[in-house]
C-alpha atoms as a PDB file:
ATOM      1  CA  MET A   1      18.382  37.433  32.135  1.00  0.00           C
ATOM      2  CA  GLU A   2      20.116  36.694  28.771  1.00  0.00           C
ATOM      3  CA  VAL A   3      20.214  39.120  26.231  1.00  0.00           C
ATOM      4  CA  GLY A   4      19.748  38.225  22.649  1.00  0.00           C
ATOM      5  CA  VAL A   5      22.118  39.702  19.826  1.00  0.00           C
ATOM      6  CA  VAL A   6      19.875  41.334  17.091  1.00  0.00           C
ATOM      7  CA  PRO A   7      21.942  41.404  13.530  1.00  0.00           C
ATOM      8  CA  ASP A   8      22.142  44.954  11.866  1.00  0.00           C
ATOM      9  CA  HIS A   9      20.862  46.018   8.697  1.00  0.00           C
ATOM     10  CA  ASN A  10      23.956  45.048   6.535  1.00  0.00           C
ATOM     11  CA  THR A  11      24.548  41.498   7.962  1.00  0.00           C
ATOM     12  CA  MET A  12      21.043  40.606   6.748  1.00  0.00           C
ATOM     13  CA  THR A  13      21.855  42.066   3.415  1.00  0.00           C
ATOM     14  CA  ASP A  14      24.812  39.701   2.820  1.00  0.00           C
ATOM     15  CA  VAL A  15      22.998  36.953   3.822  1.00  0.00           C
ATOM     16  CA  SER A  16      20.304  37.878   1.308  1.00  0.00           C
ATOM     17  CA  ASN A  17      22.487  38.285  -1.585  1.00  0.00           C
ATOM     18  CA  THR A  18      23.827  34.671  -1.166  1.00  0.00           C
ATOM     19  CA  PHE A  19      20.729  33.033  -1.652  1.00  0.00           C
ATOM     20  CA  VAL A  20      20.501  31.199  -5.172  1.00  0.00           C
ATOM     21  CA  ARG A  21      16.939  30.142  -6.268  1.00  0.00           C
ATOM     22  CA  ASN A  22      16.730  26.477  -6.834  1.00  0.00           C
ATOM     23  CA  SER A  23      13.540  24.913  -8.186  1.00  0.00           C
ATOM     24  CA  ALA A  24      14.536  21.374  -6.732  1.00  0.00           C
ATOM     25  CA  ILE A  25      14.463  23.312  -3.157  1.00  0.00           C
ATOM     26  CA  ASP A  26      11.440  25.286  -3.603  1.00  0.00           C
ATOM     27  CA  GLY A  27       9.434  22.216  -4.243  1.00  0.00           C
ATOM     28  CA  LEU A  28       8.779  23.322  -8.334  1.00  0.00           C
ATOM     29  CA  PRO A  29       8.856  20.538 -10.581  1.00  0.00           C
ATOM     30  CA  ASN A  30      12.015  20.846 -12.923  1.00  0.00           C
ATOM     31  CA  PRO A  31      11.328  21.097 -16.699  1.00  0.00           C
ATOM     32  CA  VAL A  32      11.073  17.488 -18.443  1.00  0.00           C
ATOM     33  CA  SER A  33      12.490  17.225 -21.817  1.00  0.00           C
ATOM     34  CA  SER A  34       9.958  16.101 -24.392  1.00  0.00           C
ATOM     35  CA  LEU A  35      11.914  12.610 -24.907  1.00  0.00           C
ATOM     36  CA  ASP A  36      11.816  12.263 -21.608  1.00  0.00           C
ATOM     37  CA  ARG A  37       8.382  12.875 -21.500  1.00  0.00           C
ATOM     38  CA  GLU A  38       7.492  10.595 -24.140  1.00  0.00           C
ATOM     39  CA  ALA A  39       9.304   7.795 -22.228  1.00  0.00           C
ATOM     40  CA  ARG A  40       7.353   8.038 -19.310  1.00  0.00           C
ATOM     41  CA  VAL A  41       4.111   8.164 -21.234  1.00  0.00           C
ATOM     42  CA  LEU A  42       5.115   4.746 -23.030  1.00  0.00           C
ATOM     43  CA  ARG A  43       5.941   3.235 -19.894  1.00  0.00           C
ATOM     44  CA  TYR A  44       2.704   4.074 -18.245  1.00  0.00           C
ATOM     45  CA  ARG A  45       0.531   3.114 -21.379  1.00  0.00           C
ATOM     46  CA  GLU A  46       2.911  -0.724 -21.166  1.00  0.00           C
ATOM     47  CA  LYS A  47       1.978  -0.935 -17.637  1.00  0.00           C
ATOM     48  CA  ARG A  48      -1.651  -0.171 -17.892  1.00  0.00           C
ATOM     49  CA  LYS A  49      -2.238  -2.698 -20.405  1.00  0.00           C
ATOM     50  CA  ASN A  50      -0.488  -5.334 -18.337  1.00  0.00           C
ATOM     51  CA  ARG A  51      -3.187  -4.481 -15.008  1.00  0.00           C
ATOM     52  CA  LYS A  52      -5.009  -7.821 -13.864  1.00  0.00           C
ATOM     53  CA  PHE A  53      -8.070  -7.539 -11.948  1.00  0.00           C
ATOM     54  CA  GLU A  54      -8.978 -11.136 -11.610  1.00  0.00           C
ATOM     55  CA  LYS A  55      -8.979 -12.802  -8.090  1.00  0.00           C
ATOM     56  CA  THR A  56      -5.375 -14.293  -7.305  1.00  0.00           C
ATOM     57  CA  ILE A  57      -4.533 -16.459  -4.287  1.00  0.00           C
ATOM     58  CA  ARG A  58      -1.441 -15.193  -3.074  1.00  0.00           C
ATOM     59  CA  TYR A  59      -1.135 -17.788   0.080  1.00  0.00           C
ATOM     60  CA  ALA A  60      -2.164 -21.424  -0.328  1.00  0.00           C
ATOM     61  CA  SER A  61      -2.076 -21.935   3.408  1.00  0.00           C
ATOM     62  CA  ARG A  62      -4.586 -18.920   4.092  1.00  0.00           C
ATOM     63  CA  LYS A  63      -6.768 -20.307   1.571  1.00  0.00           C
ATOM     64  CA  ALA A  64      -6.833 -24.092   3.084  1.00  0.00           C
ATOM     65  CA  TYR A  65      -7.160 -22.628   6.701  1.00  0.00           C
ATOM     66  CA  ALA A  66     -10.222 -20.461   5.437  1.00  0.00           C
ATOM     67  CA  GLU A  67     -11.678 -23.677   3.400  1.00  0.00           C
ATOM     68  CA  THR A  68     -11.873 -25.720   6.920  1.00  0.00           C
ATOM     69  CA  ARG A  69     -13.042 -22.882   8.963  1.00  0.00           C
ATOM     70  CA  PRO A  70     -17.239 -22.882   9.669  1.00  0.00           C
ATOM     71  CA  ARG A  71     -19.465 -20.831   7.676  1.00  0.00           C
ATOM     72  CA  ILE A  72     -22.803 -19.468   8.179  1.00  0.00           C
ATOM     73  CA  LYS A  73     -24.728 -18.264   4.780  1.00  0.00           C
ATOM     74  CA  GLY A  74     -21.166 -17.618   3.561  1.00  0.00           C
ATOM     75  CA  ARG A  75     -19.576 -15.993   6.317  1.00  0.00           C
ATOM     76  CA  PHE A  76     -17.159 -17.336   9.043  1.00  0.00           C
ATOM     77  CA  ALA A  77     -18.755 -18.279  12.153  1.00  0.00           C
ATOM     78  CA  LYS A  78     -17.446 -19.024  15.465  1.00  0.00           C
ATOM     79  CA  ARG A  79     -16.811 -22.487  16.448  1.00  0.00           C
ATOM     80  CA  THR A  80     -18.558 -24.046  18.778  1.00  0.00           C
ATOM     81  CA  GLU A  81     -17.594 -26.786  21.532  1.00  0.00           C
ATOM     82  CA  ASN A  82     -19.208 -29.342  19.731  1.00  0.00           C
ATOM     83  CA  ASP A  83     -17.132 -28.101  16.381  1.00  0.00           C
ATOM     84  CA  MET A  84     -13.909 -28.402  18.274  1.00  0.00           C
ATOM     85  CA  GLY A  85     -14.220 -31.980  18.721  1.00  0.00           C
ATOM     86  CA  ASP A  86     -15.661 -32.906  15.505  1.00  0.00           C
ATOM     87  CA  SER A  87     -13.381 -30.658  13.189  1.00  0.00           C
ATOM     88  CA  LEU A  88     -10.569 -33.255  13.123  1.00  0.00           C
ATOM     89  CA  VAL A  89     -12.679 -35.841  11.825  1.00  0.00           C
ATOM     90  CA  ALA A  90     -15.360 -33.940   9.920  1.00  0.00           C
ATOM     91  CA  SER A  91     -12.399 -31.920   8.214  1.00  0.00           C
ATOM     92  CA  ASP A  92     -11.135 -34.433   5.707  1.00  0.00           C
ATOM     93  CA  ALA A  93     -14.563 -35.401   4.879  1.00  0.00           C
ATOM     94  CA  SER A  94     -15.827 -31.992   4.052  1.00  0.00           C
ATOM     95  CA  TYR A  95     -12.801 -30.456   2.794  1.00  0.00           C
ATOM     96  CA  GLY A  96     -13.695 -27.365   0.724  1.00  0.00           C
ATOM     97  CA  VAL A  97     -17.198 -27.788   0.840  1.00  0.00           C
ATOM     98  CA  VAL A  98     -19.117 -24.702   2.328  1.00  0.00           C
ATOM     99  CA  PRO A  99     -22.323 -25.817   4.305  1.00  0.00           C
ATOM    100  CA  SER A 100     -25.355 -23.636   3.299  1.00  0.00           C
ATOM    101  CA  PHE A 101     -28.280 -23.300   5.732  1.00  0.00           C
END
């Protein structure tokens, strides 16, 4: 059986007196100067002006693959065994055309 050592009252006060309060350690925000805040707000406003909500195609290969996949009512459908053989021949003729049922 091991016995732990309990520090007496004097050693604890020595440790607590050496503690220095630091706002970065406590998680409290540091005060920001007015010039720094103004620069951050201006940068936010500039980035907000440049936002784009249009649809952008990032990968041309994914687009090409999606255009060749069979669709039913605009949604992707599984290929059947008949489609597997015809896909090589029909892919050139109907490239980019979405069938409507």
